[in-house]
Amino acid sequence: MSELDTPVVLTDRLAAVGWHLGGARVCVVPPGAAAEAFATALGATRLVLLTAAIARALPPPELAAARRGTTPLVLVLDEALEAPAARPVARHARAVLGVAP
């Protein structure tokens, strides 16, 4: 399996742990760095996943063009999956990992 076959996930710090454990290459995107991280991910894999929050930080024409393309496949994760209510283990994970809420 080549590096191109491993998905790249642009996400927040807490969700990054789960994606990493699932075998994805994870990029924790700091504020103001979404466009640079997205451009890097587009050239590094055949599948780019990004959170809705990061998608909103990208220029809409740039994101739309990438989503219309065929390689890499670009998918925006449903915002409902990011909500704390959708992740009932979020509070427990924060406590175990020592990550501030």
Protein backbone atom coordinates (compact mmCIF):
# COMPACT_ATOMS: atom_id res chain seq x y z
CA MET A 1 0.00 0.00 0.00
CA SER A 2 1.45 3.38 -0.98
CA GLU A 3 1.16 6.66 0.90
CA LEU A 4 -1.36 7.80 -1.70
CA ASP A 5 -3.70 5.05 -0.49
CA THR A 6 -3.79 6.38 3.08
CA PRO A 7 -6.49 9.02 3.59
CA VAL A 8 -5.54 12.43 4.93
CA VAL A 9 -7.90 13.95 7.49
CA LEU A 10 -7.89 17.67 8.27
CA THR A 11 -9.44 17.96 11.71
CA ASP A 12 -9.30 19.35 15.24
CA ARG A 13 -6.96 18.08 17.94
CA LEU A 14 -9.44 15.88 19.81
CA ALA A 15 -10.85 14.09 16.75
CA ALA A 16 -7.33 13.60 15.41
CA VAL A 17 -6.69 10.87 17.96
CA GLY A 18 -9.50 8.67 16.65
CA TRP A 19 -8.56 9.19 13.00
CA HIS A 20 -4.93 8.40 13.76
CA LEU A 21 -5.89 5.20 15.56
CA GLY A 22 -8.00 4.32 12.52
CA GLY A 23 -4.93 4.47 10.29
CA ALA A 24 -5.39 7.84 8.60
CA ARG A 25 -2.72 10.49 8.22
CA VAL A 26 -3.97 13.33 10.36
CA CYS A 27 -3.35 17.03 10.03
CA VAL A 28 -4.45 19.15 12.98
CA VAL A 29 -5.19 22.49 11.37
CA PRO A 30 -4.43 25.57 13.47
CA PRO A 31 -6.52 28.72 13.00
CA GLY A 32 -5.63 30.53 9.79
CA ALA A 33 -3.85 27.56 8.22
CA ALA A 34 -6.75 25.78 6.51
CA ALA A 35 -5.86 26.80 2.94
CA GLU A 36 -2.23 25.72 3.25
CA ALA A 37 -3.12 22.41 4.92
CA PHE A 38 -5.78 21.72 2.29
CA ALA A 39 -3.40 22.40 -0.60
CA THR A 40 -0.80 20.09 0.93
CA ALA A 41 -3.36 17.33 1.48
CA LEU A 42 -4.60 17.53 -2.11
CA GLY A 43 -1.16 16.54 -3.35
CA ALA A 44 -0.56 13.80 -0.79
CA THR A 45 -3.39 11.29 -1.14
CA ARG A 46 -6.31 9.92 -3.11
CA LEU A 47 -8.82 10.75 -0.33
CA VAL A 48 -9.04 13.97 1.68
CA LEU A 49 -11.52 14.24 4.55
CA LEU A 50 -12.08 17.55 6.30
CA THR A 51 -14.34 18.77 9.04
CA ALA A 52 -17.13 21.20 8.27
CA ALA A 53 -15.38 23.87 10.36
CA ILE A 54 -12.22 23.59 8.27
CA ALA A 55 -14.27 23.52 5.06
CA ARG A 56 -15.89 26.83 6.09
CA ALA A 57 -12.42 28.34 6.53
CA LEU A 58 -11.51 27.62 2.89
CA PRO A 59 -12.34 29.91 -0.03
CA PRO A 60 -15.65 28.54 -1.39
CA PRO A 61 -14.51 28.45 -5.05
CA GLU A 62 -11.37 26.50 -4.09
CA LEU A 63 -13.32 23.93 -2.07
CA ALA A 64 -16.00 23.60 -4.77
CA ALA A 65 -13.40 23.00 -7.48
CA ALA A 66 -11.67 20.33 -5.39
CA ARG A 67 -14.96 18.57 -4.63
CA ARG A 68 -15.88 18.50 -8.33
CA GLY A 69 -12.58 16.86 -9.22
CA THR A 70 -12.00 13.15 -9.29
CA THR A 71 -8.51 12.88 -7.80
CA PRO A 72 -8.21 13.18 -4.93
CA LEU A 73 -11.71 12.55 -3.71
CA VAL A 74 -12.59 15.36 -1.27
CA LEU A 75 -15.28 14.78 1.34
CA VAL A 76 -16.54 17.16 4.01
CA LEU A 77 -17.53 15.38 7.21
CA ASP A 78 -21.08 16.03 8.34
CA GLU A 79 -21.22 18.74 10.96
CA ALA A 80 -23.51 16.56 13.07
CA LEU A 81 -20.62 14.15 13.52
CA GLU A 82 -18.55 16.96 15.02
CA ALA A 83 -21.13 18.09 17.57
CA PRO A 84 -20.40 17.10 21.18
CA ALA A 85 -23.88 15.58 21.43
CA ALA A 86 -23.02 13.24 18.56
CA ARG A 87 -19.86 12.15 20.35
CA PRO A 88 -21.08 10.95 23.76
CA VAL A 89 -17.58 9.82 24.63
CA ALA A 90 -16.10 13.29 24.04
CA ARG A 91 -16.08 14.26 27.73
CA HIS A 92 -14.52 10.94 28.72
CA ALA A 93 -11.90 11.14 25.94
CA ARG A 94 -10.94 14.66 26.99
CA ALA A 95 -10.49 13.52 30.58
CA VAL A 96 -8.45 10.46 29.63
CA LEU A 97 -6.27 12.37 27.17
CA GLY A 98 -5.90 15.43 29.37
CA VAL A 99 -7.22 17.70 26.63
CA ALA A 100 -8.95 20.86 27.80
CA PRO A 101 -12.62 21.19 26.71
